[in-house]
Amino acid sequence: MNETLSLMLAGVAGVFLGVLFFGGLWWTVQKGSSSKWSALWFFGSLLIRTGVVLSGFYLIGHGHWVRLLLCLPGFILARLAVTRVTGASSKPESPEHEASHAP
C-alpha cells in the first residue's frame, strides 16, 4: 500500500512540476515581451525553470524508474491544463493574420 501511495504522489508531483514549468513560461512571455531586457527574462527563466524541474524529477525518481515514468504523464497533463487555462493556442495563426516584414 505504501508503494501505491508513493506512485500516486509521483504523478501528483509531476503535475505540480508541470504547472511550475509551463506556468512560469507563460508568466515569462507576459513579462518578457514588454520588458526592456527581454533576453535576460527569457534566458533567466529558462535556467530557473529547467533547474527546478530537473531537480524535482531527480528527487522524485530517487533511483526508481517507475516513479519517473509516472511523473512524466503528470508533467504533460499540466502542459495541457496550463495551455487551456491561459488561453494559449498551439495552432499557428493563419497567414493573413501574420505581420508582414517584407516591404
PDB file of N, CA and C in Angstrom:
ATOM      1  N   MET A   1       0.820  -1.196   0.000  1.00  0.00           N
ATOM      2  CA  MET A   1       0.000   0.000   0.000  1.00  0.00           C
ATOM      3  C   MET A   1       0.862   1.256   0.000  1.00  0.00           C
ATOM      4  N   ASN A   2       1.972   1.206   0.698  1.00  0.00           N
ATOM      5  CA  ASN A   2       2.872   2.341   0.766  1.00  0.00           C
ATOM      6  C   ASN A   2       3.459   2.652  -0.614  1.00  0.00           C
ATOM      7  N   GLU A   3       3.731   1.603  -1.398  1.00  0.00           N
ATOM      8  CA  GLU A   3       4.276   1.806  -2.740  1.00  0.00           C
ATOM      9  C   GLU A   3       3.239   2.460  -3.658  1.00  0.00           C
ATOM     10  N   THR A   4       1.986   2.092  -3.511  1.00  0.00           N
ATOM     11  CA  THR A   4       0.918   2.694  -4.317  1.00  0.00           C
ATOM     12  C   THR A   4       0.792   4.183  -4.020  1.00  0.00           C
ATOM     13  N   LEU A   5       0.861   4.534  -2.767  1.00  0.00           N
ATOM     14  CA  LEU A   5       0.804   5.943  -2.383  1.00  0.00           C
ATOM     15  C   LEU A   5       2.004   6.698  -2.944  1.00  0.00           C
ATOM     16  N   SER A   6       3.147   6.086  -2.902  1.00  0.00           N
ATOM     17  CA  SER A   6       4.360   6.705  -3.427  1.00  0.00           C
ATOM     18  C   SER A   6       4.239   6.959  -4.929  1.00  0.00           C
ATOM     19  N   LEU A   7       3.658   6.018  -5.651  1.00  0.00           N
ATOM     20  CA  LEU A   7       3.493   6.180  -7.095  1.00  0.00           C
ATOM     21  C   LEU A   7       2.447   7.243  -7.420  1.00  0.00           C
ATOM     22  N   MET A   8       1.390   7.298  -6.632  1.00  0.00           N
ATOM     23  CA  MET A   8       0.374   8.333  -6.843  1.00  0.00           C
ATOM     24  C   MET A   8       0.952   9.722  -6.571  1.00  0.00           C
ATOM     25  N   LEU A   9       1.751   9.828  -5.536  1.00  0.00           N
ATOM     26  CA  LEU A   9       2.384  11.114  -5.224  1.00  0.00           C
ATOM     27  C   LEU A   9       3.363  11.533  -6.308  1.00  0.00           C
ATOM     28  N   ALA A  10       4.003  10.572  -6.960  1.00  0.00           N
ATOM     29  CA  ALA A  10       4.906  10.894  -8.067  1.00  0.00           C
ATOM     30  C   ALA A  10       4.129  11.518  -9.222  1.00  0.00           C
ATOM     31  N   GLY A  11       2.943  10.996  -9.511  1.00  0.00           N
ATOM     32  CA  GLY A  11       2.110  11.586 -10.557  1.00  0.00           C
ATOM     33  C   GLY A  11       1.649  12.983 -10.205  1.00  0.00           C
ATOM     34  N   VAL A  12       1.256  13.175  -8.959  1.00  0.00           N
ATOM     35  CA  VAL A  12       0.825  14.497  -8.499  1.00  0.00           C
ATOM     36  C   VAL A  12       1.994  15.482  -8.534  1.00  0.00           C
ATOM     37  N   ALA A  13       3.158  15.010  -8.155  1.00  0.00           N
ATOM     38  CA  ALA A  13       4.347  15.871  -8.198  1.00  0.00           C
ATOM     39  C   ALA A  13       4.694  16.247  -9.635  1.00  0.00           C
ATOM     40  N   GLY A  14       4.456  15.334 -10.576  1.00  0.00           N
ATOM     41  CA  GLY A  14       4.667  15.652 -11.987  1.00  0.00           C
ATOM     42  C   GLY A  14       3.753  16.764 -12.448  1.00  0.00           C
ATOM     43  N   VAL A  15       2.506  16.725 -11.999  1.00  0.00           N
ATOM     44  CA  VAL A  15       1.562  17.801 -12.332  1.00  0.00           C
ATOM     45  C   VAL A  15       2.051  19.118 -11.730  1.00  0.00           C
ATOM     46  N   PHE A  16       2.489  19.079 -10.495  1.00  0.00           N
ATOM     47  CA  PHE A  16       2.985  20.282  -9.832  1.00  0.00           C
ATOM     48  C   PHE A  16       4.195  20.859 -10.576  1.00  0.00           C
ATOM     49  N   LEU A  17       5.135  19.997 -10.941  1.00  0.00           N
ATOM     50  CA  LEU A  17       6.313  20.465 -11.681  1.00  0.00           C
ATOM     51  C   LEU A  17       5.920  21.029 -13.046  1.00  0.00           C
ATOM     52  N   GLY A  18       4.960  20.407 -13.690  1.00  0.00           N
ATOM     53  CA  GLY A  18       4.496  20.906 -14.980  1.00  0.00           C
ATOM     54  C   GLY A  18       3.841  22.264 -14.872  1.00  0.00           C
ATOM     55  N   VAL A  19       3.037  22.443 -13.826  1.00  0.00           N
ATOM     56  CA  VAL A  19       2.400  23.748 -13.616  1.00  0.00           C
ATOM     57  C   VAL A  19       3.462  24.805 -13.349  1.00  0.00           C
ATOM     58  N   LEU A  20       4.463  24.467 -12.563  1.00  0.00           N
ATOM     59  CA  LEU A  20       5.551  25.420 -12.318  1.00  0.00           C
ATOM     60  C   LEU A  20       6.280  25.771 -13.612  1.00  0.00           C
ATOM     61  N   PHE A  21       6.594  24.761 -14.407  1.00  0.00           N
ATOM     62  CA  PHE A  21       7.363  24.990 -15.621  1.00  0.00           C
ATOM     63  C   PHE A  21       6.567  25.783 -16.653  1.00  0.00           C
ATOM     64  N   PHE A  22       5.387  25.277 -17.003  1.00  0.00           N
ATOM     65  CA  PHE A  22       4.625  25.917 -18.071  1.00  0.00           C
ATOM     66  C   PHE A  22       3.918  27.185 -17.609  1.00  0.00           C
ATOM     67  N   GLY A  23       3.530  27.238 -16.355  1.00  0.00           N
ATOM     68  CA  GLY A  23       3.005  28.491 -15.814  1.00  0.00           C
ATOM     69  C   GLY A  23       4.085  29.558 -15.766  1.00  0.00           C
ATOM     70  N   GLY A  24       5.290  29.143 -15.402  1.00  0.00           N
ATOM     71  CA  GLY A  24       6.420  30.065 -15.408  1.00  0.00           C
ATOM     72  C   GLY A  24       6.759  30.535 -16.806  1.00  0.00           C
ATOM     73  N   LEU A  25       6.620  29.659 -17.774  1.00  0.00           N
ATOM     74  CA  LEU A  25       6.861  30.039 -19.163  1.00  0.00           C
ATOM     75  C   LEU A  25       5.836  31.074 -19.619  1.00  0.00           C
ATOM     76  N   TRP A  26       4.577  30.848 -19.289  1.00  0.00           N
ATOM     77  CA  TRP A  26       3.531  31.804 -19.653  1.00  0.00           C
ATOM     78  C   TRP A  26       3.801  33.156 -18.998  1.00  0.00           C
ATOM     79  N   TRP A  27       4.154  33.137 -17.715  1.00  0.00           N
ATOM     80  CA  TRP A  27       4.433  34.375 -16.993  1.00  0.00           C
ATOM     81  C   TRP A  27       5.628  35.094 -17.617  1.00  0.00           C
ATOM     82  N   THR A  28       6.651  34.337 -18.002  1.00  0.00           N
ATOM     83  CA  THR A  28       7.837  34.929 -18.624  1.00  0.00           C
ATOM     84  C   THR A  28       7.488  35.605 -19.946  1.00  0.00           C
ATOM     85  N   VAL A  29       6.669  34.960 -20.738  1.00  0.00           N
ATOM     86  CA  VAL A  29       6.272  35.559 -22.014  1.00  0.00           C
ATOM     87  C   VAL A  29       5.500  36.851 -21.776  1.00  0.00           C
ATOM     88  N   GLN A  30       4.640  36.862 -20.761  1.00  0.00           N
ATOM     89  CA  GLN A  30       3.884  38.069 -20.447  1.00  0.00           C
ATOM     90  C   GLN A  30       4.805  39.212 -20.017  1.00  0.00           C
ATOM     91  N   LYS A  31       5.741  38.925 -19.154  1.00  0.00           N
ATOM     92  CA  LYS A  31       6.649  39.956 -18.645  1.00  0.00           C
ATOM     93  C   LYS A  31       7.757  40.296 -19.632  1.00  0.00           C
ATOM     94  N   GLY A  32       8.306  39.273 -20.255  1.00  0.00           N
ATOM     95  CA  GLY A  32       9.460  39.471 -21.124  1.00  0.00           C
ATOM     96  C   GLY A  32       9.148  40.163 -22.425  1.00  0.00           C
ATOM     97  N   SER A  33       7.942  39.984 -22.929  1.00  0.00           N
ATOM     98  CA  SER A  33       7.608  40.580 -24.220  1.00  0.00           C
ATOM     99  C   SER A  33       7.510  42.100 -24.145  1.00  0.00           C
ATOM    100  N   SER A  34       7.252  42.641 -22.968  1.00  0.00           N
ATOM    101  CA  SER A  34       7.141  44.089 -22.842  1.00  0.00           C
ATOM    102  C   SER A  34       8.313  44.703 -22.072  1.00  0.00           C
ATOM    103  N   SER A  35       9.308  43.902 -21.786  1.00  0.00           N
ATOM    104  CA  SER A  35      10.440  44.376 -20.997  1.00  0.00           C
ATOM    105  C   SER A  35      11.544  44.939 -21.881  1.00  0.00           C
ATOM    106  N   LYS A  36      12.308  45.809 -21.283  1.00  0.00           N
ATOM    107  CA  LYS A  36      13.476  46.371 -21.967  1.00  0.00           C
ATOM    108  C   LYS A  36      14.572  45.309 -22.094  1.00  0.00           C
ATOM    109  N   TRP A  37      14.619  44.385 -21.132  1.00  0.00           N
ATOM    110  CA  TRP A  37      15.639  43.337 -21.108  1.00  0.00           C
ATOM    111  C   TRP A  37      14.999  41.970 -21.331  1.00  0.00           C
ATOM    112  N   SER A  38      14.317  41.813 -22.454  1.00  0.00           N
ATOM    113  CA  SER A  38      13.565  40.581 -22.694  1.00  0.00           C
ATOM    114  C   SER A  38      14.471  39.351 -22.788  1.00  0.00           C
ATOM    115  N   ALA A  39      15.655  39.484 -23.365  1.00  0.00           N
ATOM    116  CA  ALA A  39      16.561  38.333 -23.468  1.00  0.00           C
ATOM    117  C   ALA A  39      16.959  37.838 -22.081  1.00  0.00           C
ATOM    118  N   LEU A  40      17.192  38.747 -21.161  1.00  0.00           N
ATOM    119  CA  LEU A  40      17.526  38.359 -19.796  1.00  0.00           C
ATOM    120  C   LEU A  40      16.362  37.641 -19.127  1.00  0.00           C
ATOM    121  N   TRP A  41      15.144  38.124 -19.346  1.00  0.00           N
ATOM    122  CA  TRP A  41      13.953  37.466 -18.793  1.00  0.00           C
ATOM    123  C   TRP A  41      13.852  36.028 -19.297  1.00  0.00           C
ATOM    124  N   PHE A  42      13.965  35.869 -20.604  1.00  0.00           N
ATOM    125  CA  PHE A  42      13.780  34.540 -21.184  1.00  0.00           C
ATOM    126  C   PHE A  42      14.904  33.591 -20.806  1.00  0.00           C
ATOM    127  N   PHE A  43      16.129  34.040 -20.844  1.00  0.00           N
ATOM    128  CA  PHE A  43      17.248  33.167 -20.506  1.00  0.00           C
ATOM    129  C   PHE A  43      17.252  32.825 -19.014  1.00  0.00           C
ATOM    130  N   GLY A  44      17.011  33.826 -18.168  1.00  0.00           N
ATOM    131  CA  GLY A  44      16.974  33.572 -16.729  1.00  0.00           C
ATOM    132  C   GLY A  44      15.835  32.633 -16.358  1.00  0.00           C
ATOM    133  N   SER A  45      14.685  32.843 -16.976  1.00  0.00           N
ATOM    134  CA  SER A  45      13.538  31.978 -16.707  1.00  0.00           C
ATOM    135  C   SER A  45      13.813  30.549 -17.160  1.00  0.00           C
ATOM    136  N   LEU A  46      14.445  30.410 -18.309  1.00  0.00           N
ATOM    137  CA  LEU A  46      14.785  29.071 -18.804  1.00  0.00           C
ATOM    138  C   LEU A  46      15.689  28.340 -17.822  1.00  0.00           C
ATOM    139  N   LEU A  47      16.701  29.025 -17.340  1.00  0.00           N
ATOM    140  CA  LEU A  47      17.622  28.390 -16.393  1.00  0.00           C
ATOM    141  C   LEU A  47      16.924  28.008 -15.089  1.00  0.00           C
ATOM    142  N   ILE A  48      16.123  28.906 -14.566  1.00  0.00           N
ATOM    143  CA  ILE A  48      15.442  28.637 -13.295  1.00  0.00           C
ATOM    144  C   ILE A  48      14.407  27.525 -13.450  1.00  0.00           C
ATOM    145  N   ARG A  49      13.559  27.623 -14.480  1.00  0.00           N
ATOM    146  CA  ARG A  49      12.513  26.621 -14.674  1.00  0.00           C
ATOM    147  C   ARG A  49      13.108  25.240 -14.926  1.00  0.00           C
ATOM    148  N   THR A  50      14.125  25.170 -15.774  1.00  0.00           N
ATOM    149  CA  THR A  50      14.747  23.887 -16.072  1.00  0.00           C
ATOM    150  C   THR A  50      15.441  23.320 -14.849  1.00  0.00           C
ATOM    151  N   GLY A  51      16.127  24.162 -14.108  1.00  0.00           N
ATOM    152  CA  GLY A  51      16.803  23.700 -12.896  1.00  0.00           C
ATOM    153  C   GLY A  51      15.829  23.154 -11.862  1.00  0.00           C
ATOM    154  N   VAL A  52      14.716  23.842 -11.676  1.00  0.00           N
ATOM    155  CA  VAL A  52      13.711  23.392 -10.702  1.00  0.00           C
ATOM    156  C   VAL A  52      13.101  22.065 -11.146  1.00  0.00           C
ATOM    157  N   VAL A  53      12.743  21.957 -12.420  1.00  0.00           N
ATOM    158  CA  VAL A  53      12.102  20.738 -12.902  1.00  0.00           C
ATOM    159  C   VAL A  53      13.072  19.561 -12.889  1.00  0.00           C
ATOM    160  N   LEU A  54      14.289  19.752 -13.314  1.00  0.00           N
ATOM    161  CA  LEU A  54      15.264  18.647 -13.286  1.00  0.00           C
ATOM    162  C   LEU A  54      15.560  18.211 -11.859  1.00  0.00           C
ATOM    163  N   SER A  55      15.677  19.164 -10.953  1.00  0.00           N
ATOM    164  CA  SER A  55      15.886  18.813  -9.545  1.00  0.00           C
ATOM    165  C   SER A  55      14.681  18.059  -8.995  1.00  0.00           C
ATOM    166  N   GLY A  56      13.492  18.508  -9.366  1.00  0.00           N
ATOM    167  CA  GLY A  56      12.281  17.832  -8.918  1.00  0.00           C
ATOM    168  C   GLY A  56      12.193  16.410  -9.432  1.00  0.00           C
ATOM    169  N   PHE A  57      12.477  16.218 -10.715  1.00  0.00           N
ATOM    170  CA  PHE A  57      12.470  14.865 -11.266  1.00  0.00           C
ATOM    171  C   PHE A  57      13.517  13.990 -10.589  1.00  0.00           C
ATOM    172  N   TYR A  58      14.670  14.555 -10.310  1.00  0.00           N
ATOM    173  CA  TYR A  58      15.725  13.792  -9.640  1.00  0.00           C
ATOM    174  C   TYR A  58      15.283  13.361  -8.238  1.00  0.00           C
ATOM    175  N   LEU A  59      14.688  14.288  -7.498  1.00  0.00           N
ATOM    176  CA  LEU A  59      14.237  13.967  -6.143  1.00  0.00           C
ATOM    177  C   LEU A  59      13.048  13.001  -6.139  1.00  0.00           C
ATOM    178  N   ILE A  60      12.156  13.161  -7.095  1.00  0.00           N
ATOM    179  CA  ILE A  60      11.003  12.271  -7.170  1.00  0.00           C
ATOM    180  C   ILE A  60      11.438  10.865  -7.553  1.00  0.00           C
ATOM    181  N   GLY A  61      12.302  10.765  -8.549  1.00  0.00           N
ATOM    182  CA  GLY A  61      12.753   9.455  -9.004  1.00  0.00           C
ATOM    183  C   GLY A  61      13.513   8.699  -7.939  1.00  0.00           C
ATOM    184  N   HIS A  62      14.460   9.344  -7.336  1.00  0.00           N
ATOM    185  CA  HIS A  62      15.259   8.782  -6.245  1.00  0.00           C
ATOM    186  C   HIS A  62      15.672   7.330  -6.509  1.00  0.00           C
ATOM    187  N   GLY A  63      16.098   7.074  -7.748  1.00  0.00           N
ATOM    188  CA  GLY A  63      16.568   5.745  -8.104  1.00  0.00           C
ATOM    189  C   GLY A  63      15.484   4.773  -8.531  1.00  0.00           C
ATOM    190  N   HIS A  64      14.238   5.205  -8.616  1.00  0.00           N
ATOM    191  CA  HIS A  64      13.130   4.339  -9.025  1.00  0.00           C
ATOM    192  C   HIS A  64      12.591   4.825 -10.371  1.00  0.00           C
ATOM    193  N   TRP A  65      12.811   4.062 -11.410  1.00  0.00           N
ATOM    194  CA  TRP A  65      12.394   4.482 -12.746  1.00  0.00           C
ATOM    195  C   TRP A  65      10.876   4.519 -12.887  1.00  0.00           C
ATOM    196  N   VAL A  66      10.152   3.728 -12.109  1.00  0.00           N
ATOM    197  CA  VAL A  66       8.696   3.717 -12.210  1.00  0.00           C
ATOM    198  C   VAL A  66       8.121   5.058 -11.757  1.00  0.00           C
ATOM    199  N   ARG A  67       8.721   5.648 -10.748  1.00  0.00           N
ATOM    200  CA  ARG A  67       8.257   6.972 -10.302  1.00  0.00           C
ATOM    201  C   ARG A  67       8.465   8.014 -11.389  1.00  0.00           C
ATOM    202  N   LEU A  68       9.598   7.942 -12.057  1.00  0.00           N
ATOM    203  CA  LEU A  68       9.848   8.868 -13.160  1.00  0.00           C
ATOM    204  C   LEU A  68       8.848   8.653 -14.285  1.00  0.00           C
ATOM    205  N   LEU A  69       8.546   7.388 -14.543  1.00  0.00           N
ATOM    206  CA  LEU A  69       7.604   7.057 -15.597  1.00  0.00           C
ATOM    207  C   LEU A  69       6.210   7.595 -15.286  1.00  0.00           C
ATOM    208  N   LEU A  70       5.824   7.624 -14.021  1.00  0.00           N
ATOM    209  CA  LEU A  70       4.521   8.160 -13.638  1.00  0.00           C
ATOM    210  C   LEU A  70       4.539   9.676 -13.479  1.00  0.00           C
ATOM    211  N   CYS A  71       5.686  10.233 -13.262  1.00  0.00           N
ATOM    212  CA  CYS A  71       5.805  11.685 -13.126  1.00  0.00           C
ATOM    213  C   CYS A  71       5.657  12.378 -14.485  1.00  0.00           C
ATOM    214  N   LEU A  72       6.132  11.740 -15.523  1.00  0.00           N
ATOM    215  CA  LEU A  72       6.102  12.340 -16.855  1.00  0.00           C
ATOM    216  C   LEU A  72       4.692  12.605 -17.381  1.00  0.00           C
ATOM    217  N   PRO A  73       3.737  11.653 -17.291  1.00  0.00           N
ATOM    218  CA  PRO A  73       2.379  11.985 -17.756  1.00  0.00           C
ATOM    219  C   PRO A  73       1.746  13.132 -16.964  1.00  0.00           C
ATOM    220  N   GLY A  74       2.061  13.233 -15.682  1.00  0.00           N
ATOM    221  CA  GLY A  74       1.566  14.362 -14.901  1.00  0.00           C
ATOM    222  C   GLY A  74       2.115  15.675 -15.411  1.00  0.00           C
ATOM    223  N   PHE A  75       3.380  15.668 -15.784  1.00  0.00           N
ATOM    224  CA  PHE A  75       4.029  16.853 -16.343  1.00  0.00           C
ATOM    225  C   PHE A  75       3.356  17.263 -17.648  1.00  0.00           C
ATOM    226  N   ILE A  76       3.084  16.294 -18.504  1.00  0.00           N
ATOM    227  CA  ILE A  76       2.448  16.565 -19.792  1.00  0.00           C
ATOM    228  C   ILE A  76       0.999  17.012 -19.592  1.00  0.00           C
ATOM    229  N   LEU A  77       0.306  16.406 -18.657  1.00  0.00           N
ATOM    230  CA  LEU A  77      -1.062  16.801 -18.344  1.00  0.00           C
ATOM    231  C   LEU A  77      -1.116  18.253 -17.867  1.00  0.00           C
ATOM    232  N   ALA A  78      -0.125  18.657 -17.108  1.00  0.00           N
ATOM    233  CA  ALA A  78      -0.068  20.039 -16.639  1.00  0.00           C
ATOM    234  C   ALA A  78       0.123  20.998 -17.806  1.00  0.00           C
ATOM    235  N   ARG A  79       0.878  20.582 -18.821  1.00  0.00           N
ATOM    236  CA  ARG A  79       1.053  21.425 -20.000  1.00  0.00           C
ATOM    237  C   ARG A  79      -0.292  21.682 -20.660  1.00  0.00           C
ATOM    238  N   LEU A  80      -1.084  20.624 -20.803  1.00  0.00           N
ATOM    239  CA  LEU A  80      -2.404  20.780 -21.409  1.00  0.00           C
ATOM    240  C   LEU A  80      -3.301  21.676 -20.561  1.00  0.00           C
ATOM    241  N   ALA A  81      -3.238  21.515 -19.262  1.00  0.00           N
ATOM    242  CA  ALA A  81      -4.070  22.321 -18.367  1.00  0.00           C
ATOM    243  C   ALA A  81      -3.665  23.785 -18.400  1.00  0.00           C
ATOM    244  N   VAL A  82      -2.376  24.071 -18.329  1.00  0.00           N
ATOM    245  CA  VAL A  82      -1.917  25.464 -18.350  1.00  0.00           C
ATOM    246  C   VAL A  82      -2.250  26.104 -19.692  1.00  0.00           C
ATOM    247  N   THR A  83      -2.105  25.357 -20.767  1.00  0.00           N
ATOM    248  CA  THR A  83      -2.448  25.893 -22.088  1.00  0.00           C
ATOM    249  C   THR A  83      -3.926  26.248 -22.156  1.00  0.00           C
ATOM    250  N   ARG A  84      -4.774  25.395 -21.606  1.00  0.00           N
ATOM    251  CA  ARG A  84      -6.213  25.661 -21.618  1.00  0.00           C
ATOM    252  C   ARG A  84      -6.571  26.845 -20.721  1.00  0.00           C
ATOM    253  N   VAL A  85      -5.982  26.906 -19.538  1.00  0.00           N
ATOM    254  CA  VAL A  85      -6.319  27.967 -18.585  1.00  0.00           C
ATOM    255  C   VAL A  85      -5.849  29.333 -19.077  1.00  0.00           C
ATOM    256  N   THR A  86      -4.672  29.387 -19.655  1.00  0.00           N
ATOM    257  CA  THR A  86      -4.130  30.671 -20.101  1.00  0.00           C
ATOM    258  C   THR A  86      -4.683  31.105 -21.445  1.00  0.00           C
ATOM    259  N   GLY A  87      -5.392  30.218 -22.119  1.00  0.00           N
ATOM    260  CA  GLY A  87      -5.973  30.570 -23.403  1.00  0.00           C
ATOM    261  C   GLY A  87      -4.977  30.562 -24.534  1.00  0.00           C
ATOM    262  N   ALA A  88      -3.799  30.004 -24.302  1.00  0.00           N
ATOM    263  CA  ALA A  88      -2.788  29.930 -25.352  1.00  0.00           C
ATOM    264  C   ALA A  88      -3.202  28.869 -26.361  1.00  0.00           C
ATOM    265  N   SER A  89      -2.832  29.081 -27.587  1.00  0.00           N
ATOM    266  CA  SER A  89      -3.163  28.133 -28.644  1.00  0.00           C
ATOM    267  C   SER A  89      -1.887  27.574 -29.240  1.00  0.00           C
ATOM    268  N   SER A  90      -1.874  26.278 -29.498  1.00  0.00           N
ATOM    269  CA  SER A  90      -0.700  25.678 -30.121  1.00  0.00           C
ATOM    270  C   SER A  90      -0.805  25.724 -31.637  1.00  0.00           C
ATOM    271  N   LYS A  91      -1.966  26.181 -32.152  1.00  0.00           N
ATOM    272  CA  LYS A  91      -2.143  26.289 -33.589  1.00  0.00           C
ATOM    273  C   LYS A  91      -1.549  27.606 -34.071  1.00  0.00           C
ATOM    274  N   PRO A  92      -0.781  27.566 -35.154  1.00  0.00           N
ATOM    275  CA  PRO A  92      -0.249  28.821 -35.685  1.00  0.00           C
ATOM    276  C   PRO A  92      -1.365  29.656 -36.301  1.00  0.00           C
ATOM    277  N   GLU A  93      -1.156  30.950 -36.278  1.00  0.00           N
ATOM    278  CA  GLU A  93      -2.145  31.844 -36.870  1.00  0.00           C
ATOM    279  C   GLU A  93      -2.142  31.675 -38.379  1.00  0.00           C
ATOM    280  N   SER A  94      -3.258  32.001 -38.992  1.00  0.00           N
ATOM    281  CA  SER A  94      -3.340  31.896 -40.443  1.00  0.00           C
ATOM    282  C   SER A  94      -2.457  32.969 -41.073  1.00  0.00           C
ATOM    283  N   PRO A  95      -1.986  32.729 -42.291  1.00  0.00           N
ATOM    284  CA  PRO A  95      -1.048  33.680 -42.937  1.00  0.00           C
ATOM    285  C   PRO A  95      -1.598  35.094 -43.078  1.00  0.00           C
ATOM    286  N   GLU A  96      -2.915  35.254 -43.242  1.00  0.00           N
ATOM    287  CA  GLU A  96      -3.432  36.612 -43.415  1.00  0.00           C
ATOM    288  C   GLU A  96      -3.388  37.421 -42.132  1.00  0.00           C
ATOM    289  N   HIS A  97      -3.200  36.761 -40.985  1.00  0.00           N
ATOM    290  CA  HIS A  97      -3.106  37.469 -39.713  1.00  0.00           C
ATOM    291  C   HIS A  97      -1.668  37.795 -39.316  1.00  0.00           C
ATOM    292  N   GLU A  98      -0.705  37.217 -40.018  1.00  0.00           N
ATOM    293  CA  GLU A  98       0.688  37.453 -39.679  1.00  0.00           C
ATOM    294  C   GLU A  98       1.117  38.835 -40.174  1.00  0.00           C
ATOM    295  N   ALA A  99       2.032  39.414 -39.422  1.00  0.00           N
ATOM    296  CA  ALA A  99       2.566  40.710 -39.819  1.00  0.00           C
ATOM    297  C   ALA A  99       3.563  40.518 -40.953  1.00  0.00           C
ATOM    298  N   SER A 100       3.541  41.413 -41.868  1.00  0.00           N
ATOM    299  CA  SER A 100       4.472  41.345 -42.999  1.00  0.00           C
ATOM    300  C   SER A 100       5.746  42.065 -42.638  1.00  0.00           C
ATOM    301  N   HIS A 101       6.866  41.407 -42.825  1.00  0.00           N
ATOM    302  CA  HIS A 101       8.156  42.017 -42.515  1.00  0.00           C
ATOM    303  C   HIS A 101       8.876  42.465 -43.790  1.00  0.00           C
ATOM    304  N   ALA A 102       8.370  42.076 -44.921  1.00  0.00           N
ATOM    305  CA  ALA A 102       8.991  42.486 -46.163  1.00  0.00           C
ATOM    306  C   ALA A 102       8.324  43.750 -46.691  1.00  0.00           C
ATOM    307  N   PRO A 103       9.089  44.618 -47.338  1.00  0.00           N
ATOM    308  CA  PRO A 103       8.490  45.855 -47.852  1.00  0.00           C
ATOM    309  C   PRO A 103       7.544  45.617 -49.005  1.00  0.00           C
TER     310      PRO A 103
END
